[in-house]
């Protein structure tokens, strides 16, 4: 039986895919718009993990929001 590790997307990849700054993506993470896991070891330097599947769901949500407008 093999266990597969979750597929994560980096903050840098999210910035590139959305064409947003790191600060803008960080805000999306802090507000929970993009579901994430805080894996920080200190308060000074935050570290997030985002499942690729959660990011894809976020993309679907913003895509449907644009279609509704």
N, C-alpha and C. Protein backbone atom coordinates (compact mmCIF):
# COMPACT_ATOMS: atom_id res chain seq x y z
N UNK A 1 0.85 -1.18 0.00
CA UNK A 1 0.00 0.00 0.00
C UNK A 1 0.89 1.24 0.00
N UNK A 2 0.71 2.10 -0.97
CA UNK A 2 1.51 3.33 -1.01
C UNK A 2 0.63 4.52 -0.66
N UNK A 3 1.21 5.44 0.05
CA UNK A 3 0.50 6.66 0.44
C UNK A 3 1.12 7.81 -0.33
N UNK A 4 0.28 8.54 -1.05
CA UNK A 4 0.78 9.66 -1.83
C UNK A 4 0.77 10.94 -1.00
N UNK A 5 1.81 11.72 -1.13
CA UNK A 5 1.87 13.01 -0.44
C UNK A 5 0.93 13.99 -1.13
N UNK A 6 0.34 14.89 -0.37
CA UNK A 6 -0.53 15.90 -0.98
C UNK A 6 0.24 16.76 -1.97
N UNK A 7 -0.45 17.24 -2.98
CA UNK A 7 0.14 18.09 -4.01
C UNK A 7 -0.10 19.54 -3.62
N UNK A 8 0.96 20.25 -3.26
CA UNK A 8 0.86 21.64 -2.85
C UNK A 8 1.29 22.58 -3.97
N UNK A 9 0.75 23.79 -3.94
CA UNK A 9 1.17 24.84 -4.85
C UNK A 9 1.85 25.92 -4.00
N UNK A 10 2.92 26.48 -4.50
CA UNK A 10 3.66 27.49 -3.73
C UNK A 10 3.02 28.87 -3.89
N UNK A 11 3.35 29.74 -2.97
CA UNK A 11 2.88 31.12 -3.05
C UNK A 11 3.39 31.77 -4.34
N UNK A 12 4.61 31.47 -4.70
CA UNK A 12 5.18 32.01 -5.94
C UNK A 12 4.38 31.56 -7.16
N UNK A 13 4.00 30.28 -7.19
CA UNK A 13 3.19 29.78 -8.30
C UNK A 13 1.82 30.47 -8.35
N UNK A 14 1.25 30.71 -7.17
CA UNK A 14 -0.05 31.39 -7.11
C UNK A 14 0.09 32.81 -7.65
N UNK A 15 1.15 33.50 -7.26
CA UNK A 15 1.41 34.86 -7.77
C UNK A 15 1.48 34.85 -9.29
N UNK A 16 2.20 33.89 -9.83
CA UNK A 16 2.37 33.81 -11.28
C UNK A 16 1.05 33.49 -11.97
N UNK A 17 0.30 32.52 -11.45
CA UNK A 17 -0.96 32.11 -12.08
C UNK A 17 -1.99 33.22 -12.06
N UNK A 18 -2.01 34.01 -10.97
CA UNK A 18 -3.01 35.07 -10.84
C UNK A 18 -2.49 36.43 -11.30
N UNK A 19 -1.20 36.52 -11.61
CA UNK A 19 -0.55 37.78 -11.98
C UNK A 19 -0.78 38.83 -10.89
N UNK A 20 -0.51 38.40 -9.64
CA UNK A 20 -0.66 39.28 -8.48
C UNK A 20 0.66 39.35 -7.73
N UNK A 21 0.79 40.39 -6.92
CA UNK A 21 1.98 40.53 -6.08
C UNK A 21 1.90 39.55 -4.92
N UNK A 22 3.04 39.33 -4.29
CA UNK A 22 3.08 38.46 -3.10
C UNK A 22 2.18 39.03 -2.00
N UNK A 23 2.17 40.35 -1.85
CA UNK A 23 1.33 40.98 -0.82
C UNK A 23 -0.15 40.71 -1.07
N UNK A 24 -0.57 40.78 -2.34
CA UNK A 24 -1.97 40.52 -2.68
C UNK A 24 -2.34 39.07 -2.42
N UNK A 25 -1.45 38.16 -2.77
CA UNK A 25 -1.72 36.74 -2.53
C UNK A 25 -1.74 36.45 -1.02
N UNK A 26 -0.81 37.06 -0.29
CA UNK A 26 -0.79 36.88 1.16
C UNK A 26 -2.10 37.34 1.78
N UNK A 27 -2.66 38.44 1.27
CA UNK A 27 -3.95 38.92 1.77
C UNK A 27 -5.06 37.89 1.50
N UNK A 28 -5.04 37.29 0.31
CA UNK A 28 -6.02 36.25 -0.01
C UNK A 28 -5.89 35.06 0.94
N UNK A 29 -4.67 34.74 1.32
CA UNK A 29 -4.43 33.64 2.25
C UNK A 29 -4.89 34.01 3.66
N UNK A 30 -4.54 35.21 4.12
CA UNK A 30 -4.91 35.65 5.47
C UNK A 30 -6.41 35.76 5.65
N UNK A 31 -7.11 36.18 4.61
CA UNK A 31 -8.56 36.36 4.71
C UNK A 31 -9.32 35.05 4.49
N UNK A 32 -8.61 34.01 4.05
CA UNK A 32 -9.25 32.73 3.84
C UNK A 32 -9.90 32.56 2.48
N UNK A 33 -9.74 33.54 1.59
CA UNK A 33 -10.30 33.39 0.23
C UNK A 33 -9.71 32.16 -0.46
N UNK A 34 -8.42 31.94 -0.25
CA UNK A 34 -7.78 30.71 -0.72
C UNK A 34 -7.51 29.87 0.52
N UNK A 35 -8.13 28.69 0.57
CA UNK A 35 -7.96 27.82 1.73
C UNK A 35 -6.49 27.43 1.86
N UNK A 36 -5.97 27.51 3.08
CA UNK A 36 -4.55 27.24 3.30
C UNK A 36 -4.30 26.71 4.69
N UNK A 37 -3.10 26.25 4.88
CA UNK A 37 -2.65 25.77 6.18
C UNK A 37 -1.46 26.62 6.61
N UNK A 38 -1.55 27.16 7.81
CA UNK A 38 -0.45 27.95 8.35
C UNK A 38 0.52 26.97 9.02
N UNK A 39 1.70 26.86 8.46
CA UNK A 39 2.71 25.95 9.01
C UNK A 39 3.91 26.74 9.54
N UNK A 40 3.64 27.95 9.98
CA UNK A 40 4.70 28.83 10.48
C UNK A 40 5.30 28.27 11.76
N UNK A 41 6.58 28.50 11.91
CA UNK A 41 7.25 28.10 13.15
C UNK A 41 7.48 29.31 14.05
N UNK A 42 7.21 30.51 13.53
CA UNK A 42 7.32 31.71 14.35
C UNK A 42 6.31 32.74 13.85
N UNK A 43 6.02 33.71 14.68
CA UNK A 43 5.09 34.78 14.31
C UNK A 43 5.74 35.75 13.32
N UNK A 44 7.06 35.83 13.33
CA UNK A 44 7.76 36.79 12.48
C UNK A 44 7.71 36.41 11.01
N UNK A 45 7.79 35.13 10.73
CA UNK A 45 7.84 34.68 9.33
C UNK A 45 6.73 33.65 9.10
N UNK A 46 5.69 34.10 8.42
CA UNK A 46 4.56 33.23 8.14
C UNK A 46 4.89 32.29 6.98
N UNK A 47 4.37 31.08 7.08
CA UNK A 47 4.59 30.09 6.03
C UNK A 47 3.27 29.36 5.80
N UNK A 48 2.81 29.36 4.57
CA UNK A 48 1.53 28.76 4.23
C UNK A 48 1.71 27.61 3.27
N UNK A 49 0.77 26.68 3.31
CA UNK A 49 0.70 25.59 2.34
C UNK A 49 -0.71 25.61 1.76
N UNK A 50 -0.79 25.48 0.45
CA UNK A 50 -2.07 25.48 -0.24
C UNK A 50 -2.14 24.20 -1.08
N UNK A 51 -3.17 23.42 -0.85
CA UNK A 51 -3.37 22.23 -1.68
C UNK A 51 -3.73 22.68 -3.09
N UNK A 52 -3.14 22.03 -4.07
CA UNK A 52 -3.42 22.39 -5.46
C UNK A 52 -4.93 22.27 -5.75
N UNK A 53 -5.58 21.28 -5.18
CA UNK A 53 -7.02 21.11 -5.39
C UNK A 53 -7.81 22.29 -4.81
N UNK A 54 -7.38 22.84 -3.67
CA UNK A 54 -8.05 24.00 -3.09
C UNK A 54 -7.84 25.23 -3.96
N UNK A 55 -6.64 25.36 -4.54
CA UNK A 55 -6.38 26.49 -5.43
C UNK A 55 -7.24 26.38 -6.68
N UNK A 56 -7.38 25.18 -7.22
CA UNK A 56 -8.21 24.98 -8.40
C UNK A 56 -9.67 25.32 -8.10
N UNK A 57 -10.15 25.00 -6.89
CA UNK A 57 -11.51 25.37 -6.48
C UNK A 57 -11.66 26.89 -6.42
N UNK A 58 -10.63 27.56 -5.91
CA UNK A 58 -10.64 29.02 -5.85
C UNK A 58 -10.75 29.60 -7.27
N UNK A 59 -9.99 29.04 -8.20
CA UNK A 59 -10.04 29.51 -9.58
C UNK A 59 -11.45 29.32 -10.17
N UNK A 60 -12.08 28.21 -9.87
CA UNK A 60 -13.44 27.96 -10.34
C UNK A 60 -14.41 28.98 -9.76
N UNK A 61 -14.24 29.29 -8.46
CA UNK A 61 -15.11 30.27 -7.80
C UNK A 61 -14.99 31.65 -8.43
N UNK A 62 -13.76 32.10 -8.66
CA UNK A 62 -13.61 33.45 -9.23
C UNK A 62 -14.06 33.47 -10.68
N UNK A 63 -13.93 32.34 -11.35
CA UNK A 63 -14.40 32.25 -12.73
C UNK A 63 -15.93 32.35 -12.78
N UNK A 64 -16.60 31.67 -11.87
CA UNK A 64 -18.07 31.73 -11.86
C UNK A 64 -18.55 33.09 -11.38
N UNK A 65 -17.80 33.75 -10.48
CA UNK A 65 -18.15 35.11 -10.05
C UNK A 65 -18.13 36.07 -11.23
N UNK A 66 -17.13 35.93 -12.10
CA UNK A 66 -17.02 36.80 -13.27
C UNK A 66 -18.15 36.56 -14.24
N UNK A 67 -18.58 35.29 -14.40
CA UNK A 67 -19.66 34.97 -15.31
C UNK A 67 -21.00 35.53 -14.83
N UNK A 68 -21.18 35.60 -13.50
CA UNK A 68 -22.44 36.09 -12.93
C UNK A 68 -22.59 37.58 -13.07
N UNK A 69 -21.50 38.31 -13.22
CA UNK A 69 -21.56 39.78 -13.29
C UNK A 69 -21.93 40.27 -14.65
